[in-house]
């Protein structure tokens, strides 16, 4: 079996830790759709399940090391994020900053939600952050408008034709980049 035959290891990062969040519901919805693909192996990294320190410590904590190891083991990422004040949550930025080399040479996709903008501003901010970490961000993303009819009565995203096409486009791009960059890292380690 060659490296190209192995399923792509995709980490779905649930980026909000707030009480009453919808991020976990949206993230689990997305992960379930992604898991239907045989060419992907999905791992959900819910930031609320990590006991991260309130400030950046002198030495990495066990939670920071666990998170960083999961990032290092992934071939690709999908970040699920709300939009707060035209940006993304501080908890997500803190987690992103715990790793550096582990992100490099890998693709990142986005699932976002917000009131009116479907999380567009959060995604644009994250594209800048992940670009500085030497990742490739995929063009298409999945956005949910909390003011519209995008969620059902239980707060789950509706499986509309347009939304499922957006999920498929994101995953197709992520898979192409993920396989291509994995082969590249295998042939020659990425250097920043």
N, C-alpha and C. Protein backbone atom coordinates (compact mmCIF):
# COMPACT_ATOMS: atom_id res chain seq x y z
N UNK A 1 0.85 -1.19 0.00
CA UNK A 1 0.00 0.00 0.00
C UNK A 1 0.89 1.24 0.00
N UNK A 2 0.62 2.17 -0.90
CA UNK A 2 1.40 3.40 -0.95
C UNK A 2 0.75 4.47 -0.07
N UNK A 3 1.49 5.54 0.16
CA UNK A 3 0.97 6.63 1.00
C UNK A 3 -0.31 7.21 0.41
N UNK A 4 -0.42 7.23 -0.90
CA UNK A 4 -1.62 7.78 -1.54
C UNK A 4 -2.87 6.93 -1.35
N UNK A 5 -2.68 5.64 -0.99
CA UNK A 5 -3.82 4.75 -0.77
C UNK A 5 -4.45 4.90 0.61
N UNK A 6 -3.70 5.43 1.57
CA UNK A 6 -4.20 5.57 2.93
C UNK A 6 -5.23 6.68 3.01
N UNK A 7 -6.28 6.50 3.82
CA UNK A 7 -7.24 7.60 3.99
C UNK A 7 -6.55 8.85 4.51
N UNK A 8 -7.02 9.98 4.07
CA UNK A 8 -6.50 11.26 4.52
C UNK A 8 -6.97 11.49 5.96
N UNK A 9 -6.05 11.79 6.86
CA UNK A 9 -6.37 12.04 8.27
C UNK A 9 -6.81 13.50 8.40
N UNK A 10 -8.10 13.71 8.67
CA UNK A 10 -8.66 15.06 8.74
C UNK A 10 -9.10 15.35 10.17
N UNK A 11 -8.57 16.42 10.74
CA UNK A 11 -8.99 16.88 12.07
C UNK A 11 -10.03 17.97 11.90
N UNK A 12 -11.21 17.76 12.46
CA UNK A 12 -12.27 18.76 12.48
C UNK A 12 -12.17 19.45 13.84
N UNK A 13 -11.81 20.73 13.82
CA UNK A 13 -11.55 21.47 15.05
C UNK A 13 -12.78 22.31 15.39
N UNK A 14 -13.39 22.02 16.53
CA UNK A 14 -14.54 22.79 17.01
C UNK A 14 -13.99 23.95 17.82
N UNK A 15 -14.12 25.16 17.26
CA UNK A 15 -13.36 26.30 17.73
C UNK A 15 -13.96 27.18 18.80
N UNK A 16 -15.15 26.90 19.27
CA UNK A 16 -15.75 27.72 20.33
C UNK A 16 -15.83 26.91 21.61
N UNK A 17 -15.60 27.58 22.72
CA UNK A 17 -15.70 26.93 24.03
C UNK A 17 -16.79 27.56 24.89
N UNK A 18 -17.56 28.48 24.34
CA UNK A 18 -18.59 29.18 25.11
C UNK A 18 -19.72 28.25 25.55
N UNK A 19 -20.28 28.54 26.70
CA UNK A 19 -21.48 27.83 27.15
C UNK A 19 -22.63 28.19 26.21
N UNK A 20 -23.47 27.23 25.89
CA UNK A 20 -24.60 27.47 25.01
C UNK A 20 -24.24 27.59 23.54
N UNK A 21 -23.04 27.21 23.18
CA UNK A 21 -22.56 27.33 21.80
C UNK A 21 -23.33 26.41 20.86
N UNK A 22 -23.29 26.73 19.57
CA UNK A 22 -23.82 25.86 18.53
C UNK A 22 -22.67 25.18 17.79
N UNK A 23 -21.47 25.56 18.12
CA UNK A 23 -20.29 25.09 17.40
C UNK A 23 -20.16 23.57 17.45
N UNK A 24 -20.44 22.97 18.61
CA UNK A 24 -20.32 21.52 18.70
C UNK A 24 -21.37 20.83 17.82
N UNK A 25 -22.57 21.36 17.77
CA UNK A 25 -23.63 20.79 16.93
C UNK A 25 -23.26 20.92 15.45
N UNK A 26 -22.79 22.09 15.06
CA UNK A 26 -22.38 22.32 13.66
C UNK A 26 -21.19 21.43 13.33
N UNK A 27 -20.21 21.35 14.23
CA UNK A 27 -19.02 20.53 13.99
C UNK A 27 -19.35 19.05 13.86
N UNK A 28 -20.21 18.55 14.72
CA UNK A 28 -20.60 17.14 14.65
C UNK A 28 -21.40 16.86 13.37
N UNK A 29 -22.25 17.80 12.98
CA UNK A 29 -22.99 17.67 11.72
C UNK A 29 -22.01 17.55 10.55
N UNK A 30 -21.03 18.46 10.50
CA UNK A 30 -20.06 18.42 9.41
C UNK A 30 -19.24 17.13 9.44
N UNK A 31 -18.75 16.76 10.63
CA UNK A 31 -17.92 15.56 10.75
C UNK A 31 -18.68 14.32 10.28
N UNK A 32 -19.97 14.25 10.58
CA UNK A 32 -20.77 13.11 10.16
C UNK A 32 -20.86 13.04 8.63
N UNK A 33 -20.99 14.17 7.96
CA UNK A 33 -21.04 14.18 6.51
C UNK A 33 -19.68 13.82 5.92
N UNK A 34 -18.61 14.33 6.51
CA UNK A 34 -17.27 14.03 6.03
C UNK A 34 -16.93 12.55 6.23
N UNK A 35 -17.41 11.96 7.32
CA UNK A 35 -17.12 10.56 7.62
C UNK A 35 -17.77 9.59 6.63
N UNK A 36 -18.70 10.07 5.84
CA UNK A 36 -19.34 9.22 4.83
C UNK A 36 -18.38 8.89 3.69
N UNK A 37 -17.31 9.65 3.59
CA UNK A 37 -16.34 9.43 2.52
C UNK A 37 -15.32 8.38 2.96
N UNK A 38 -15.10 7.39 2.12
CA UNK A 38 -14.17 6.32 2.45
C UNK A 38 -12.72 6.76 2.36
N UNK A 39 -12.45 7.87 1.66
CA UNK A 39 -11.07 8.33 1.50
C UNK A 39 -10.62 9.25 2.64
N UNK A 40 -11.49 9.46 3.65
CA UNK A 40 -11.16 10.33 4.77
C UNK A 40 -11.31 9.59 6.09
N UNK A 41 -10.41 9.87 7.02
CA UNK A 41 -10.52 9.40 8.40
C UNK A 41 -10.67 10.65 9.26
N UNK A 42 -11.80 10.78 9.94
CA UNK A 42 -12.15 12.01 10.64
C UNK A 42 -11.88 11.88 12.14
N UNK A 43 -11.23 12.90 12.70
CA UNK A 43 -11.05 13.02 14.15
C UNK A 43 -11.58 14.39 14.55
N UNK A 44 -12.45 14.43 15.55
CA UNK A 44 -12.99 15.70 16.03
C UNK A 44 -12.16 16.16 17.22
N UNK A 45 -11.65 17.39 17.14
CA UNK A 45 -10.91 18.02 18.23
C UNK A 45 -11.76 19.17 18.76
N UNK A 46 -12.47 18.92 19.84
CA UNK A 46 -13.34 19.93 20.45
C UNK A 46 -12.53 20.69 21.49
N UNK A 47 -12.28 21.95 21.26
CA UNK A 47 -11.45 22.74 22.17
C UNK A 47 -12.02 22.79 23.58
N UNK A 48 -13.32 22.62 23.72
CA UNK A 48 -13.94 22.63 25.05
C UNK A 48 -13.53 21.42 25.88
N UNK A 49 -13.00 20.40 25.24
CA UNK A 49 -12.59 19.19 25.96
C UNK A 49 -11.13 19.23 26.41
N UNK A 50 -10.45 20.33 26.14
CA UNK A 50 -9.06 20.48 26.55
C UNK A 50 -9.00 21.48 27.71
N UNK A 51 -8.21 21.17 28.70
CA UNK A 51 -8.03 22.09 29.83
C UNK A 51 -6.83 22.99 29.54
N UNK A 52 -7.03 23.90 28.57
CA UNK A 52 -5.95 24.82 28.21
C UNK A 52 -5.77 25.86 29.30
N UNK A 53 -4.54 26.32 29.51
CA UNK A 53 -4.30 27.37 30.50
C UNK A 53 -4.87 28.70 30.04
N UNK A 54 -5.12 29.60 30.99
CA UNK A 54 -5.67 30.91 30.67
C UNK A 54 -4.68 31.82 29.96
N UNK A 55 -3.40 31.59 30.17
CA UNK A 55 -2.37 32.36 29.46
C UNK A 55 -1.30 31.38 28.98
N UNK A 56 -0.42 31.85 28.14
CA UNK A 56 0.59 30.98 27.57
C UNK A 56 1.67 30.69 28.61
N UNK A 57 1.80 29.42 29.05
CA UNK A 57 2.75 29.09 30.12
C UNK A 57 4.18 28.98 29.60
N UNK A 58 5.13 28.91 30.52
CA UNK A 58 6.54 28.74 30.15
C UNK A 58 6.76 27.39 29.47
N UNK A 59 6.09 26.35 29.96
CA UNK A 59 6.22 25.02 29.39
C UNK A 59 4.84 24.52 28.96
N UNK A 60 4.83 23.70 27.92
CA UNK A 60 3.57 23.15 27.42
C UNK A 60 2.92 22.26 28.48
N UNK A 61 1.62 22.41 28.63
CA UNK A 61 0.85 21.57 29.55
C UNK A 61 0.49 20.26 28.85
N UNK A 62 0.04 19.24 29.59
CA UNK A 62 -0.39 18.00 28.93
C UNK A 62 -1.49 18.23 27.88
N UNK A 63 -2.44 19.12 28.17
CA UNK A 63 -3.51 19.41 27.19
C UNK A 63 -2.93 20.03 25.93
N UNK A 64 -2.00 20.95 26.08
CA UNK A 64 -1.37 21.57 24.92
C UNK A 64 -0.62 20.54 24.09
N UNK A 65 0.09 19.64 24.76
CA UNK A 65 0.84 18.59 24.05
C UNK A 65 -0.10 17.63 23.32
N UNK A 66 -1.21 17.24 23.96
CA UNK A 66 -2.18 16.36 23.30
C UNK A 66 -2.75 17.01 22.04
N UNK A 67 -3.12 18.29 22.16
CA UNK A 67 -3.68 19.00 21.01
C UNK A 67 -2.64 19.10 19.89
N UNK A 68 -1.43 19.50 20.24
CA UNK A 68 -0.37 19.66 19.24
C UNK A 68 -0.04 18.34 18.57
N UNK A 69 -0.04 17.24 19.33
CA UNK A 69 0.19 15.92 18.73
C UNK A 69 -0.91 15.55 17.74
N UNK A 70 -2.15 15.89 18.06
CA UNK A 70 -3.25 15.62 17.13
C UNK A 70 -3.11 16.45 15.87
N UNK A 71 -2.70 17.70 16.01
CA UNK A 71 -2.47 18.56 14.84
C UNK A 71 -1.34 17.97 14.01
N UNK A 72 -0.27 17.53 14.67
CA UNK A 72 0.86 16.96 13.95
C UNK A 72 0.51 15.69 13.20
N UNK A 73 -0.42 14.90 13.73
CA UNK A 73 -0.80 13.65 13.10
C UNK A 73 -1.80 13.79 11.97
N UNK A 74 -2.40 14.95 11.84
CA UNK A 74 -3.41 15.16 10.79
C UNK A 74 -2.75 15.54 9.47
N UNK A 75 -3.42 15.17 8.37
CA UNK A 75 -2.99 15.57 7.03
C UNK A 75 -3.69 16.84 6.57
N UNK A 76 -4.84 17.14 7.18
CA UNK A 76 -5.66 18.27 6.76
C UNK A 76 -6.58 18.65 7.92
N UNK A 77 -7.15 19.85 7.82
CA UNK A 77 -7.98 20.37 8.90
C UNK A 77 -9.23 21.04 8.35
N UNK A 78 -10.31 20.95 9.13
CA UNK A 78 -11.49 21.77 8.89
C UNK A 78 -11.77 22.47 10.22
N UNK A 79 -11.74 23.78 10.20
CA UNK A 79 -11.98 24.58 11.40
C UNK A 79 -13.44 25.01 11.39
N UNK A 80 -14.15 24.68 12.46
CA UNK A 80 -15.55 25.08 12.62
C UNK A 80 -15.55 26.24 13.60
N UNK A 81 -16.07 27.39 13.15
CA UNK A 81 -15.95 28.59 13.97
C UNK A 81 -17.19 29.48 13.89
N UNK A 82 -17.53 30.10 15.01
CA UNK A 82 -18.52 31.17 14.96
C UNK A 82 -17.81 32.47 14.57
N UNK A 83 -18.61 33.44 14.23
CA UNK A 83 -18.07 34.78 14.02
C UNK A 83 -18.46 35.64 15.21
N UNK A 84 -17.45 36.15 15.91
CA UNK A 84 -17.66 37.06 17.03
C UNK A 84 -17.04 38.41 16.66
N UNK A 85 -17.84 39.44 16.61
CA UNK A 85 -17.33 40.79 16.36
C UNK A 85 -16.43 40.86 15.12
N UNK A 86 -16.91 40.24 14.04
CA UNK A 86 -16.21 40.21 12.75
C UNK A 86 -14.87 39.48 12.80
N UNK A 87 -14.75 38.56 13.74
CA UNK A 87 -13.54 37.75 13.84
C UNK A 87 -13.91 36.38 14.40
N UNK A 88 -12.94 35.68 14.93
CA UNK A 88 -13.16 34.33 15.46
C UNK A 88 -12.82 34.33 16.94
N UNK A 89 -13.19 33.28 17.69
CA UNK A 89 -13.00 33.27 19.14
C UNK A 89 -11.54 33.26 19.58
N UNK A 90 -11.29 33.87 20.72
CA UNK A 90 -9.94 33.88 21.30
C UNK A 90 -9.48 32.47 21.64
N UNK A 91 -10.40 31.61 22.04
CA UNK A 91 -10.04 30.23 22.37
C UNK A 91 -9.44 29.52 21.15
N UNK A 92 -9.95 29.82 19.97
CA UNK A 92 -9.44 29.23 18.75
C UNK A 92 -8.04 29.77 18.43
N UNK A 93 -7.85 31.07 18.58
CA UNK A 93 -6.53 31.66 18.32
C UNK A 93 -5.50 31.08 19.28
N UNK A 94 -5.86 30.92 20.54
CA UNK A 94 -4.94 30.35 21.52
C UNK A 94 -4.54 28.94 21.10
N UNK A 95 -5.50 28.11 20.72
CA UNK A 95 -5.19 26.74 20.31
C UNK A 95 -4.33 26.71 19.05
N UNK A 96 -4.64 27.57 18.09
CA UNK A 96 -3.84 27.64 16.86
C UNK A 96 -2.39 27.95 17.21
N UNK A 97 -2.19 28.87 18.14
CA UNK A 97 -0.83 29.30 18.50
C UNK A 97 -0.04 28.25 19.27
N UNK A 98 -0.69 27.23 19.83
CA UNK A 98 0.04 26.18 20.54
C UNK A 98 0.91 25.36 19.59
N UNK A 99 0.57 25.30 18.33
CA UNK A 99 1.34 24.54 17.34
C UNK A 99 1.95 25.52 16.35
N UNK A 100 2.97 25.10 15.66
CA UNK A 100 3.54 25.89 14.58
C UNK A 100 3.96 24.96 13.44
N UNK A 101 5.05 24.23 13.65
CA UNK A 101 5.51 23.30 12.60
C UNK A 101 4.43 22.28 12.24
N UNK A 102 3.62 21.92 13.20
CA UNK A 102 2.60 20.89 12.98
C UNK A 102 1.56 21.29 11.94
N UNK A 103 1.34 22.59 11.73
CA UNK A 103 0.37 23.05 10.74
C UNK A 103 0.96 23.09 9.33
N UNK A 104 2.25 23.25 9.25
CA UNK A 104 2.91 23.61 7.98
C UNK A 104 2.72 22.58 6.87
N UNK A 105 2.53 23.10 5.67
CA UNK A 105 2.42 22.25 4.49
C UNK A 105 1.16 21.40 4.46
N UNK A 106 0.10 21.86 5.11
CA UNK A 106 -1.16 21.12 5.15
C UNK A 106 -2.32 22.05 4.78
N UNK A 107 -3.41 21.49 4.25
CA UNK A 107 -4.56 22.33 3.88
C UNK A 107 -5.54 22.52 5.03
N UNK A 108 -6.24 23.65 4.98
CA UNK A 108 -7.25 24.00 5.99
C UNK A 108 -8.51 24.44 5.27
N UNK A 109 -9.65 23.89 5.68
CA UNK A 109 -10.95 24.33 5.19
C UNK A 109 -11.74 24.90 6.36
N UNK A 110 -12.86 25.54 6.05
CA UNK A 110 -13.62 26.23 7.09
C UNK A 110 -15.12 25.97 6.98
N UNK A 111 -15.74 25.82 8.15
CA UNK A 111 -17.18 25.82 8.31
C UNK A 111 -17.45 26.91 9.32
N UNK A 112 -18.28 27.88 8.96
CA UNK A 112 -18.50 29.01 9.85
C UNK A 112 -19.97 29.35 9.95
N UNK A 113 -20.28 30.10 11.00
CA UNK A 113 -21.65 30.56 11.16
C UNK A 113 -21.63 31.92 11.86
N UNK A 114 -22.67 32.67 11.59
CA UNK A 114 -22.79 33.99 12.19
C UNK A 114 -24.17 34.55 11.93
N UNK A 115 -24.41 35.70 12.49
CA UNK A 115 -25.70 36.37 12.35
C UNK A 115 -25.64 37.35 11.19
N UNK A 116 -26.12 36.90 10.04
CA UNK A 116 -26.18 37.77 8.87
C UNK A 116 -25.07 37.51 7.87
N UNK A 117 -23.85 37.26 8.33
CA UNK A 117 -22.71 37.10 7.42
C UNK A 117 -22.32 35.65 7.19
N UNK A 118 -22.95 34.72 7.87
CA UNK A 118 -22.61 33.29 7.80
C UNK A 118 -21.16 33.03 8.19
N UNK A 119 -20.58 33.92 8.97
CA UNK A 119 -19.22 33.74 9.45
C UNK A 119 -18.13 34.13 8.47
N UNK A 120 -18.49 34.83 7.42
CA UNK A 120 -17.53 35.23 6.38
C UNK A 120 -16.32 35.97 6.96
N UNK A 121 -16.55 36.90 7.87
CA UNK A 121 -15.44 37.70 8.41
C UNK A 121 -14.50 36.84 9.25
N UNK A 122 -15.02 35.88 9.99
CA UNK A 122 -14.18 34.97 10.76
C UNK A 122 -13.28 34.17 9.82
N UNK A 123 -13.84 33.68 8.72
CA UNK A 123 -13.06 32.90 7.76
C UNK A 123 -11.95 33.75 7.14
N UNK A 124 -12.26 34.99 6.78
CA UNK A 124 -11.23 35.85 6.19
C UNK A 124 -10.10 36.12 7.17
N UNK A 125 -10.43 36.31 8.45
CA UNK A 125 -9.39 36.50 9.47
C UNK A 125 -8.54 35.23 9.60
N UNK A 126 -9.21 34.08 9.61
CA UNK A 126 -8.48 32.81 9.76
C UNK A 126 -7.59 32.51 8.57
N UNK A 127 -8.00 32.91 7.37
CA UNK A 127 -7.15 32.72 6.20
C UNK A 127 -5.80 33.43 6.39
N UNK A 128 -5.83 34.62 6.96
CA UNK A 128 -4.60 35.37 7.21
C UNK A 128 -3.73 34.65 8.24
N UNK A 129 -4.34 34.21 9.34
CA UNK A 129 -3.60 33.52 10.40
C UNK A 129 -2.98 32.24 9.86
N UNK A 130 -3.75 31.43 9.17
CA UNK A 130 -3.23 30.16 8.68
C UNK A 130 -2.22 30.35 7.55
N UNK A 131 -2.34 31.41 6.79
CA UNK A 131 -1.32 31.72 5.79
C UNK A 131 0.03 31.97 6.44
N UNK A 132 0.04 32.64 7.59
CA UNK A 132 1.28 32.89 8.32
C UNK A 132 1.89 31.60 8.87
N UNK A 133 1.07 30.56 9.00
CA UNK A 133 1.55 29.26 9.50
C UNK A 133 1.91 28.31 8.36
N UNK A 134 2.02 28.83 7.15
CA UNK A 134 2.44 28.05 5.98
C UNK A 134 1.47 26.93 5.64
N UNK A 135 0.18 27.20 5.75
CA UNK A 135 -0.83 26.24 5.31
C UNK A 135 -1.39 26.70 3.97
N UNK A 136 -2.19 25.87 3.37
CA UNK A 136 -2.96 26.22 2.18
C UNK A 136 -4.43 26.23 2.61
N UNK A 137 -5.10 27.36 2.46
CA UNK A 137 -6.53 27.39 2.79
C UNK A 137 -7.32 27.15 1.50
N UNK A 138 -8.30 26.25 1.59
CA UNK A 138 -9.08 25.94 0.40
C UNK A 138 -10.09 27.05 0.15
N UNK A 139 -10.42 27.23 -1.11
CA UNK A 139 -11.26 28.36 -1.51
C UNK A 139 -12.68 28.26 -0.99
N UNK A 140 -13.33 27.12 -1.23
CA UNK A 140 -14.74 26.99 -0.87
C UNK A 140 -14.89 26.68 0.62
N UNK A 141 -15.96 27.17 1.20
CA UNK A 141 -16.22 26.97 2.62
C UNK A 141 -17.72 26.79 2.81
N UNK A 142 -18.10 26.37 3.99
CA UNK A 142 -19.52 26.18 4.31
C UNK A 142 -19.89 27.25 5.32
N UNK A 143 -20.87 28.08 4.98
CA UNK A 143 -21.30 29.16 5.87
C UNK A 143 -22.77 29.02 6.23
N UNK A 144 -23.07 29.28 7.50
CA UNK A 144 -24.45 29.19 8.00
C UNK A 144 -24.87 30.53 8.58
N UNK A 145 -26.04 30.99 8.18
CA UNK A 145 -26.58 32.25 8.68
C UNK A 145 -27.57 31.96 9.81
N UNK A 146 -27.23 32.35 11.01
CA UNK A 146 -28.09 32.09 12.16
C UNK A 146 -29.38 32.92 12.12
N UNK A 147 -29.40 33.98 11.34
CA UNK A 147 -30.61 34.79 11.22
C UNK A 147 -31.56 34.27 10.14
N UNK A 148 -31.06 33.37 9.33
CA UNK A 148 -31.88 32.82 8.26
C UNK A 148 -32.51 31.51 8.67
N UNK A 149 -32.73 30.66 7.67
CA UNK A 149 -33.40 29.38 7.89
C UNK A 149 -32.39 28.23 7.77
N UNK A 150 -31.12 28.48 8.12
CA UNK A 150 -30.08 27.48 7.91
C UNK A 150 -30.07 26.37 8.97
N UNK A 151 -30.67 26.62 10.15
CA UNK A 151 -30.69 25.62 11.21
C UNK A 151 -32.13 25.17 11.45
N UNK A 152 -32.28 23.90 11.86
CA UNK A 152 -33.61 23.41 12.19
C UNK A 152 -33.97 23.76 13.63
N UNK A 153 -35.08 23.26 14.11
CA UNK A 153 -35.57 23.60 15.45
C UNK A 153 -34.63 23.12 16.56
N UNK A 154 -33.82 22.08 16.30
CA UNK A 154 -32.85 21.57 17.28
C UNK A 154 -31.48 22.24 17.15
N UNK A 155 -31.37 23.22 16.25
CA UNK A 155 -30.11 23.93 16.07
C UNK A 155 -29.12 23.22 15.16
N UNK A 156 -29.57 22.21 14.42
CA UNK A 156 -28.71 21.48 13.49
C UNK A 156 -28.82 22.11 12.10
N UNK A 157 -27.72 22.15 11.36
CA UNK A 157 -27.80 22.65 9.98
C UNK A 157 -28.74 21.79 9.14
N UNK A 158 -29.48 22.46 8.28
CA UNK A 158 -30.38 21.74 7.37
C UNK A 158 -29.57 21.19 6.20
N UNK A 159 -29.88 19.98 5.79
CA UNK A 159 -29.21 19.34 4.67
C UNK A 159 -29.87 19.75 3.35
N UNK A 160 -29.74 21.02 3.00
CA UNK A 160 -30.28 21.47 1.72
C UNK A 160 -29.32 21.04 0.61
N UNK A 161 -29.83 21.04 -0.62
CA UNK A 161 -28.97 20.68 -1.77
C UNK A 161 -27.77 21.61 -1.85
N UNK A 162 -28.00 22.92 -1.69
CA UNK A 162 -26.89 23.88 -1.77
C UNK A 162 -25.85 23.62 -0.68
N UNK A 163 -26.31 23.34 0.52
CA UNK A 163 -25.37 23.12 1.63
C UNK A 163 -24.57 21.84 1.42
N UNK A 164 -25.23 20.78 0.98
CA UNK A 164 -24.51 19.53 0.74
C UNK A 164 -23.53 19.66 -0.41
N UNK A 165 -23.86 20.48 -1.41
CA UNK A 165 -22.90 20.76 -2.49
C UNK A 165 -21.71 21.54 -1.95
N UNK A 166 -21.95 22.47 -1.02
CA UNK A 166 -20.85 23.23 -0.42
C UNK A 166 -19.94 22.32 0.39
N UNK A 167 -20.53 21.39 1.14
CA UNK A 167 -19.74 20.42 1.91
C UNK A 167 -18.89 19.58 0.96
N UNK A 168 -19.50 19.10 -0.13
CA UNK A 168 -18.78 18.26 -1.09
C UNK A 168 -17.64 19.04 -1.75
N UNK A 169 -17.88 20.30 -2.12
CA UNK A 169 -16.83 21.11 -2.75
C UNK A 169 -15.67 21.32 -1.79
N UNK A 170 -15.98 21.67 -0.54
CA UNK A 170 -14.92 21.87 0.45
C UNK A 170 -14.11 20.58 0.61
N UNK A 171 -14.79 19.44 0.77
CA UNK A 171 -14.08 18.18 0.99
C UNK A 171 -13.30 17.74 -0.24
N UNK A 172 -13.82 17.99 -1.44
CA UNK A 172 -13.08 17.65 -2.66
C UNK A 172 -11.78 18.45 -2.74
N UNK A 173 -11.86 19.75 -2.47
CA UNK A 173 -10.66 20.59 -2.51
C UNK A 173 -9.69 20.20 -1.41
N UNK A 174 -10.20 19.99 -0.21
CA UNK A 174 -9.36 19.62 0.92
C UNK A 174 -8.64 18.29 0.64
N UNK A 175 -9.37 17.33 0.05
CA UNK A 175 -8.78 16.04 -0.26
C UNK A 175 -7.69 16.16 -1.32
N UNK A 176 -7.94 16.94 -2.36
CA UNK A 176 -6.92 17.12 -3.40
C UNK A 176 -5.66 17.72 -2.81
N UNK A 177 -5.83 18.83 -2.09
CA UNK A 177 -4.67 19.48 -1.48
C UNK A 177 -4.03 18.57 -0.43
N UNK A 178 -4.84 17.90 0.36
CA UNK A 178 -4.30 17.03 1.40
C UNK A 178 -3.44 15.91 0.85
N UNK A 179 -3.91 15.25 -0.21
CA UNK A 179 -3.14 14.17 -0.82
C UNK A 179 -1.87 14.72 -1.48
N UNK A 180 -2.01 15.83 -2.17
CA UNK A 180 -0.88 16.42 -2.87
C UNK A 180 0.20 16.86 -1.88
N UNK A 181 -0.21 17.55 -0.82
CA UNK A 181 0.76 18.03 0.15
C UNK A 181 1.33 16.90 1.01
N UNK A 182 0.53 15.88 1.29
CA UNK A 182 1.06 14.73 2.03
C UNK A 182 2.15 14.04 1.22
N UNK A 183 1.92 13.86 -0.08
CA UNK A 183 2.95 13.26 -0.93
C UNK A 183 4.19 14.14 -0.98
N UNK A 184 3.98 15.45 -1.03
CA UNK A 184 5.12 16.37 -1.04
C UNK A 184 5.93 16.31 0.24
N UNK A 185 5.24 16.26 1.39
CA UNK A 185 5.94 16.17 2.68
C UNK A 185 6.66 14.84 2.81
N UNK A 186 6.08 13.79 2.22
CA UNK A 186 6.70 12.48 2.26
C UNK A 186 7.99 12.46 1.41
N UNK A 187 7.94 13.12 0.25
CA UNK A 187 9.10 13.17 -0.65
C UNK A 187 10.20 14.06 -0.09
N UNK A 188 9.78 15.16 0.54
CA UNK A 188 10.76 16.12 1.07
C UNK A 188 10.12 16.92 2.18
N UNK A 189 10.69 16.94 3.37
CA UNK A 189 10.10 17.69 4.48
C UNK A 189 9.92 19.17 4.11
N UNK A 190 8.82 19.74 4.59
CA UNK A 190 8.55 21.15 4.32
C UNK A 190 9.53 22.01 5.11
N UNK A 191 10.02 23.05 4.48
CA UNK A 191 10.96 23.98 5.14
C UNK A 191 10.36 25.37 5.09
N UNK A 192 10.26 26.02 6.27
CA UNK A 192 9.74 27.39 6.29
C UNK A 192 10.86 28.39 6.50
